[in-house]
Structure formats: C-alpha cells, structure tokens
C-alpha atoms as a PDB file:
ATOM      1  CA  MET A   1     110.197 266.272  94.167  1.00  0.00           C
ATOM      2  CA  ARG A   2     110.684 270.021  94.424  1.00  0.00           C
ATOM      3  CA  ALA A   3     109.849 270.353  90.712  1.00  0.00           C
ATOM      4  CA  LYS A   4     106.596 268.470  91.304  1.00  0.00           C
ATOM      5  CA  LEU A   5     105.681 270.801  94.173  1.00  0.00           C
ATOM      6  CA  ARG A   6     106.552 273.838  92.049  1.00  0.00           C
ATOM      7  CA  HIS A   7     104.281 272.498  89.292  1.00  0.00           C
ATOM      8  CA  GLN A   8     101.478 271.915  91.804  1.00  0.00           C
ATOM      9  CA  ILE A   9     101.657 275.572  92.817  1.00  0.00           C
ATOM     10  CA  GLY A  10     101.612 276.567  89.139  1.00  0.00           C
ATOM     11  CA  VAL A  11      98.516 274.442  88.487  1.00  0.00           C
ATOM     12  CA  LEU A  12      96.725 275.953  91.496  1.00  0.00           C
ATOM     13  CA  HIS A  13      97.553 279.488  90.351  1.00  0.00           C
ATOM     14  CA  ARG A  14      96.540 278.761  86.762  1.00  0.00           C
ATOM     15  CA  ILE A  15      93.174 277.281  87.720  1.00  0.00           C
ATOM     16  CA  GLY A  16      92.572 279.474  90.752  1.00  0.00           C
ATOM     17  CA  ARG A  17      92.967 282.749  88.903  1.00  0.00           C
ATOM     18  CA  ARG A  18      89.785 281.895  87.011  1.00  0.00           C
ATOM     19  CA  ASP A  19      87.894 281.230  90.239  1.00  0.00           C
ATOM     20  CA  SER A  20      87.955 284.320  92.431  1.00  0.00           C
ATOM     21  CA  GLY A  21      85.894 282.644  95.174  1.00  0.00           C
ATOM     22  CA  ALA A  22      88.441 279.903  95.887  1.00  0.00           C
ATOM     23  CA  ASP A  23      91.213 280.548  98.383  1.00  0.00           C
ATOM     24  CA  ILE A  24      94.306 278.797  97.089  1.00  0.00           C
ATOM     25  CA  GLU A  25      97.009 281.000  98.588  1.00  0.00           C
ATOM     26  CA  GLY A  26      97.036 279.126 101.887  1.00  0.00           C
ATOM     27  CA  ALA A  27      97.683 275.854 100.078  1.00  0.00           C
ATOM     28  CA  CYS A  28     100.351 277.450  97.873  1.00  0.00           C
ATOM     29  CA  THR A  29     102.126 278.872 100.917  1.00  0.00           C
ATOM     30  CA  ALA A  30     102.049 275.508 102.682  1.00  0.00           C
ATOM     31  CA  ILE A  31     103.392 273.715  99.584  1.00  0.00           C
ATOM     32  CA  ARG A  32     106.192 276.314  99.239  1.00  0.00           C
ATOM     33  CA  GLU A  33     107.195 275.761 102.877  1.00  0.00           C
ATOM     34  CA  LEU A  34     107.179 271.974 102.432  1.00  0.00           C
ATOM     35  CA  SER A  35     109.300 272.364  99.304  1.00  0.00           C
ATOM     36  CA  GLY A  36     111.811 274.398 101.294  1.00  0.00           C
ATOM     37  CA  ASP A  37     111.841 271.723 103.990  1.00  0.00           C
ATOM     38  CA  ALA A  38     112.575 269.087 101.327  1.00  0.00           C
ATOM     39  CA  VAL A  39     116.057 270.547 100.849  1.00  0.00           C
ATOM     40  CA  HIS A  40     116.875 269.528 104.416  1.00  0.00           C
ATOM     41  CA  ALA A  41     115.184 266.117 104.423  1.00  0.00           C
ATOM     42  CA  ALA A  42     117.342 263.606 106.287  1.00  0.00           C
ATOM     43  CA  ASP A  43     116.271 260.597 104.231  1.00  0.00           C
ATOM     44  CA  THR A  44     113.885 259.308 101.581  1.00  0.00           C
ATOM     45  CA  ASP A  45     111.148 258.570 104.112  1.00  0.00           C
ATOM     46  CA  GLU A  46     111.151 262.166 105.335  1.00  0.00           C
ATOM     47  CA  LEU A  47     111.156 263.449 101.754  1.00  0.00           C
ATOM     48  CA  MET A  48     108.203 261.228 100.845  1.00  0.00           C
ATOM     49  CA  GLY A  49     106.389 262.417 103.988  1.00  0.00           C
ATOM     50  CA  LEU A  50     106.829 266.044 102.937  1.00  0.00           C
ATOM     51  CA  GLU A  51     105.581 265.184  99.450  1.00  0.00           C
ATOM     52  CA  GLY A  52     102.536 263.470 100.968  1.00  0.00           C
ATOM     53  CA  ALA A  53     101.736 266.505 103.122  1.00  0.00           C
ATOM     54  CA  ALA A  54     102.050 268.780 100.086  1.00  0.00           C
ATOM     55  CA  SER A  55      99.774 266.507  98.047  1.00  0.00           C
ATOM     56  CA  THR A  56      97.126 266.637 100.762  1.00  0.00           C
ATOM     57  CA  GLU A  57      97.177 270.451 100.670  1.00  0.00           C
ATOM     58  CA  TYR A  58      97.171 270.428  96.879  1.00  0.00           C
ATOM     59  CA  PHE A  59      94.230 268.084  96.372  1.00  0.00           C
ATOM     60  CA  GLU A  60      92.173 269.825  99.055  1.00  0.00           C
ATOM     61  CA  ALA A  61      92.729 273.090  97.174  1.00  0.00           C
ATOM     62  CA  LEU A  62      91.873 271.456  93.835  1.00  0.00           C
ATOM     63  CA  SER A  63      88.653 270.097  95.329  1.00  0.00           C
ATOM     64  CA  ARG A  64      87.494 273.680  95.910  1.00  0.00           C
ATOM     65  CA  LEU A  65      87.929 274.489  92.208  1.00  0.00           C
ATOM     66  CA  VAL A  66      85.419 272.089  90.623  1.00  0.00           C
ATOM     67  CA  PRO A  67      81.667 272.414  90.056  1.00  0.00           C
ATOM     68  CA  GLU A  68      79.436 271.021  92.811  1.00  0.00           C
ATOM     69  CA  ASP A  69      78.096 268.181  90.672  1.00  0.00           C
ATOM     70  CA  VAL A  70      81.620 266.704  90.367  1.00  0.00           C
ATOM     71  CA  ALA A  71      82.834 267.641  93.851  1.00  0.00           C
ATOM     72  CA  PHE A  72      85.467 265.579  95.629  1.00  0.00           C
ATOM     73  CA  GLN A  73      87.008 265.742  99.078  1.00  0.00           C
ATOM     74  CA  GLY A  74      90.704 265.418  98.310  1.00  0.00           C
ATOM     75  CA  ARG A  75      92.513 262.457  96.835  1.00  0.00           C
ATOM     76  CA  SER A  76      91.173 258.938  97.301  1.00  0.00           C
ATOM     77  CA  ARG A  77      92.371 255.776  95.609  1.00  0.00           C
ATOM     78  CA  ARG A  78      92.132 252.017  95.837  1.00  0.00           C
ATOM     79  CA  PRO A  79      89.287 252.455  95.163  1.00  0.00           C
ATOM     80  CA  PRO A  80      88.590 256.009  94.005  1.00  0.00           C
ATOM     81  CA  LYS A  81      85.507 257.358  95.789  1.00  0.00           C
ATOM     82  CA  ASP A  82      84.235 259.755  93.118  1.00  0.00           C
ATOM     83  CA  LEU A  83      84.440 260.769  89.466  1.00  0.00           C
ATOM     84  CA  ALA A  84      87.397 263.129  89.926  1.00  0.00           C
ATOM     85  CA  ASN A  85      89.495 260.526  91.703  1.00  0.00           C
ATOM     86  CA  ALA A  86      88.561 257.860  89.158  1.00  0.00           C
ATOM     87  CA  ALA A  87      89.750 260.218  86.415  1.00  0.00           C
ATOM     88  CA  PHE A  88      93.005 261.019  88.248  1.00  0.00           C
ATOM     89  CA  SER A  89      93.715 257.309  88.786  1.00  0.00           C
ATOM     90  CA  TYR A  90      92.970 256.362  85.189  1.00  0.00           C
ATOM     91  CA  ALA A  91      95.125 259.165  83.785  1.00  0.00           C
ATOM     92  CA  TYR A  92      97.982 258.394  86.203  1.00  0.00           C
ATOM     93  CA  ALA A  93      97.924 254.810  84.914  1.00  0.00           C
ATOM     94  CA  ILE A  94      98.273 256.135  81.352  1.00  0.00           C
ATOM     95  CA  LEU A  95     101.186 258.372  82.364  1.00  0.00           C
ATOM     96  CA  LEU A  96     102.824 255.486  84.240  1.00  0.00           C
ATOM     97  CA  SER A  97     102.695 253.276  81.158  1.00  0.00           C
ATOM     98  CA  GLU A  98     104.215 256.040  79.033  1.00  0.00           C
ATOM     99  CA  CYS A  99     107.034 256.560  81.549  1.00  0.00           C
ATOM    100  CA  THR A 100     107.692 252.822  81.681  1.00  0.00           C
ATOM    101  CA  GLY A 101     107.864 252.666  77.883  1.00  0.00           C
ATOM    102  CA  ALA A 102     110.256 255.617  77.770  1.00  0.00           C
ATOM    103  CA  LEU A 103     112.551 254.015  80.355  1.00  0.00           C
ATOM    104  CA  ILE A 104     112.609 250.704  78.497  1.00  0.00           C
ATOM    105  CA  ALA A 105     113.311 252.507  75.219  1.00  0.00           C
ATOM    106  CA  ALA A 106     116.234 254.272  76.921  1.00  0.00           C
ATOM    107  CA  GLY A 107     117.596 250.939  78.119  1.00  0.00           C
ATOM    108  CA  LEU A 108     116.812 251.540  81.811  1.00  0.00           C
ATOM    109  CA  GLU A 109     115.214 249.099  84.240  1.00  0.00           C
ATOM    110  CA  PRO A 110     111.807 250.520  85.334  1.00  0.00           C
ATOM    111  CA  SER A 111     111.674 248.537  88.580  1.00  0.00           C
ATOM    112  CA  LEU A 112     114.851 250.048  90.104  1.00  0.00           C
ATOM    113  CA  GLY A 113     113.524 253.190  91.771  1.00  0.00           C
ATOM    114  CA  VAL A 114     115.205 255.935  93.743  1.00  0.00           C
ATOM    115  CA  LEU A 115     112.384 257.490  95.764  1.00  0.00           C
ATOM    116  CA  HIS A 116     109.846 254.713  95.397  1.00  0.00           C
ATOM    117  CA  ALA A 117     111.108 251.470  96.916  1.00  0.00           C
ATOM    118  CA  SER A 118     112.328 248.990  94.333  1.00  0.00           C
ATOM    119  CA  THR A 119     110.182 245.882  94.131  1.00  0.00           C
ATOM    120  CA  ASP A 120     109.533 243.316  91.451  1.00  0.00           C
ATOM    121  CA  LYS A 121     105.822 244.091  91.585  1.00  0.00           C
ATOM    122  CA  ARG A 122     105.847 247.681  90.355  1.00  0.00           C
ATOM    123  CA  PRO A 123     107.891 249.936  88.096  1.00  0.00           C
ATOM    124  CA  SER A 124     109.415 252.094  90.861  1.00  0.00           C
ATOM    125  CA  LEU A 125     111.677 254.154  88.579  1.00  0.00           C
ATOM    126  CA  SER A 126     108.666 254.870  86.367  1.00  0.00           C
ATOM    127  CA  LEU A 127     106.820 256.128  89.446  1.00  0.00           C
ATOM    128  CA  ASP A 128     109.799 258.356  90.271  1.00  0.00           C
ATOM    129  CA  LEU A 129     109.942 259.711  86.727  1.00  0.00           C
ATOM    130  CA  MET A 130     106.245 260.503  86.468  1.00  0.00           C
ATOM    131  CA  GLU A 131     106.111 262.583  89.678  1.00  0.00           C
ATOM    132  CA  GLU A 132     107.204 265.809  87.995  1.00  0.00           C
ATOM    133  CA  PHE A 133     104.751 265.376  85.129  1.00  0.00           C
ATOM    134  CA  ARG A 134     101.633 264.505  87.136  1.00  0.00           C
ATOM    135  CA  PRO A 135     100.511 268.108  87.780  1.00  0.00           C
ATOM    136  CA  LEU A 136     101.363 269.324  84.284  1.00  0.00           C
ATOM    137  CA  LEU A 137      99.864 266.511  82.232  1.00  0.00           C
ATOM    138  CA  VAL A 138      97.261 264.745  84.340  1.00  0.00           C
ATOM    139  CA  ASP A 139      96.009 267.161  86.979  1.00  0.00           C
ATOM    140  CA  ARG A 140      95.568 270.088  84.586  1.00  0.00           C
ATOM    141  CA  THR A 141      93.788 267.840  82.088  1.00  0.00           C
ATOM    142  CA  VAL A 142      91.416 266.279  84.610  1.00  0.00           C
ATOM    143  CA  MET A 143      90.604 269.640  86.178  1.00  0.00           C
ATOM    144  CA  ALA A 144      89.949 271.210  82.772  1.00  0.00           C
ATOM    145  CA  LEU A 145      87.616 268.346  81.846  1.00  0.00           C
ATOM    146  CA  LEU A 146      85.734 268.600  85.145  1.00  0.00           C
ATOM    147  CA  ARG A 147      85.450 272.398  85.017  1.00  0.00           C
ATOM    148  CA  SER A 148      84.299 272.408  81.379  1.00  0.00           C
ATOM    149  CA  ARG A 149      81.848 269.586  82.171  1.00  0.00           C
ATOM    150  CA  ARG A 150      83.333 267.279  79.550  1.00  0.00           C
ATOM    151  CA  LEU A 151      83.600 264.840  82.468  1.00  0.00           C
ATOM    152  CA  ARG A 152      80.173 264.635  84.096  1.00  0.00           C
ATOM    153  CA  PRO A 153      78.577 262.630  86.913  1.00  0.00           C
ATOM    154  CA  GLU A 154      77.074 260.160  84.444  1.00  0.00           C
ATOM    155  CA  HIS A 155      80.615 259.141  83.433  1.00  0.00           C
ATOM    156  CA  ALA A 156      81.107 257.524  86.854  1.00  0.00           C
ATOM    157  CA  ILE A 157      80.139 253.888  87.374  1.00  0.00           C
ATOM    158  CA  ASP A 158      79.849 252.317  90.816  1.00  0.00           C
ATOM    159  CA  SER A 159      82.279 249.451  91.339  1.00  0.00           C
ATOM    160  CA  GLN A 160      80.854 245.952  91.689  1.00  0.00           C
ATOM    161  CA  ASP A 161      81.461 245.890  95.437  1.00  0.00           C
ATOM    162  CA  GLY A 162      79.902 249.352  95.853  1.00  0.00           C
ATOM    163  CA  GLU A 163      83.038 250.629  97.593  1.00  0.00           C
ATOM    164  CA  GLY A 164      84.264 252.919  94.849  1.00  0.00           C
ATOM    165  CA  VAL A 165      83.724 254.499  91.476  1.00  0.00           C
ATOM    166  CA  TRP A 166      85.195 253.674  88.077  1.00  0.00           C
ATOM    167  CA  LEU A 167      85.324 255.718  84.919  1.00  0.00           C
ATOM    168  CA  GLY A 168      82.803 254.505  82.356  1.00  0.00           C
ATOM    169  CA  PRO A 169      83.518 254.134  78.619  1.00  0.00           C
ATOM    170  CA  GLU A 170      82.381 257.657  77.713  1.00  0.00           C
ATOM    171  CA  GLY A 171      84.381 259.101  80.587  1.00  0.00           C
ATOM    172  CA  LYS A 172      87.475 257.185  79.494  1.00  0.00           C
ATOM    173  CA  LYS A 173      87.057 258.490  75.962  1.00  0.00           C
ATOM    174  CA  ALA A 174      86.723 262.087  77.173  1.00  0.00           C
ATOM    175  CA  LEU A 175      89.755 261.679  79.404  1.00  0.00           C
ATOM    176  CA  VAL A 176      91.969 260.073  76.757  1.00  0.00           C
ATOM    177  CA  ASP A 177      90.955 262.740  74.209  1.00  0.00           C
ATOM    178  CA  GLY A 178      91.774 265.490  76.718  1.00  0.00           C
ATOM    179  CA  TYR A 179      95.068 263.868  77.695  1.00  0.00           C
ATOM    180  CA  GLU A 180      96.140 263.481  74.064  1.00  0.00           C
ATOM    181  CA  ALA A 181      95.231 267.119  73.393  1.00  0.00           C
ATOM    182  CA  THR A 182      97.400 268.131  76.362  1.00  0.00           C
ATOM    183  CA  LEU A 183     100.332 266.150  74.950  1.00  0.00           C
ATOM    184  CA  GLN A 184      99.943 267.879  71.577  1.00  0.00           C
ATOM    185  CA  ARG A 185     100.078 271.350  73.133  1.00  0.00           C
ATOM    186  CA  GLN A 186     103.402 273.141  72.809  1.00  0.00           C
ATOM    187  CA  VAL A 187     104.767 274.804  75.922  1.00  0.00           C
END
C-alpha cells in the first residue's frame, strides 16, 4: 500500500511539473502523511481507510491536471460519470486481468486476497497485486491520453440507463494502444 501511495505522489509530480497552474503539493503532503500513518495501522480496515483517503486526495489533484473539455471531479465508478473515469475503469479491468493471469501462471489462487477480502466472486489477490501498478501503468497512461487529447469527449458514450458513461470503440482503441505503449516502455 505504501508503494502505491509513493507511486501516486510520483505521478502527481511528473504530471504537475508540466502544469505550473495546478497546486499538487497539498495533495502530495496529505498522501505522504497518510502513508506514514499506514505503518501504524491497527488492522486491514484501518489500512484500507487510509488508502481510500489518499486516493480521494490523489484523484482530486489529478482532476485539476486535465483540459476543461475532459474535466472530472475525482474518482467515480459503478457507473463512471465521465470520460476520465470510464477510461480509468476500463484500464483497471485490463490490469486486473493481467494480474489474474500472472497469478494463475505462477500457480497461485487469485481469489485468496490479503488486503481485499477473499470471496468467490472476485479475484481478491489480483486486486491486491494490482494496487502498486495502478498509478504507474493505468493512471499515467489515462492522464497522458487525456492531456494530449488522444482521448476526447466524443469517445464517451452515455450508458443505456443514462446514469453513467462508457468508453466507445474509438476510445477503447486509443486507451489500449496507449496502455500497450506504456508496457513497452523501459524504466
């Protein structure tokens, strides 16, 4: 969890340095403090609460770093309320499937999680594994696509019930291309 929070700070600094008008230091300070608190978490519930608070700070800061035509107000899911959140959700699903495949290939049971409660309905260990990689692989990719306008408002499709937004075929293609390019990059 602390690695995830450290990566979130790195993503904010990397993107924020190109946007002098955005104030990201407050969010970075808050995430650092929450990461320090994580060392002393009494149990998994407290740890997950700290992670949730850090994610709120993180996504609010990210929302200040995108062009107005693809603006979002923090993280929303089930259903995603805007293009950015639809892209995050779609890319997280890709990362989840890759983590699940890697666990199966290693001979591990994806449903037996440590941080995420083990259930037969979701791959909890896969969710645990992907936490550290979310900022590095998904968040950086989605933000780069939004900021470069390779993901645009016309890539969003209203859901059938009108409650949310889905990524259309062209948006999915742009996202998958960007994600694959991120995976090919050497670090």
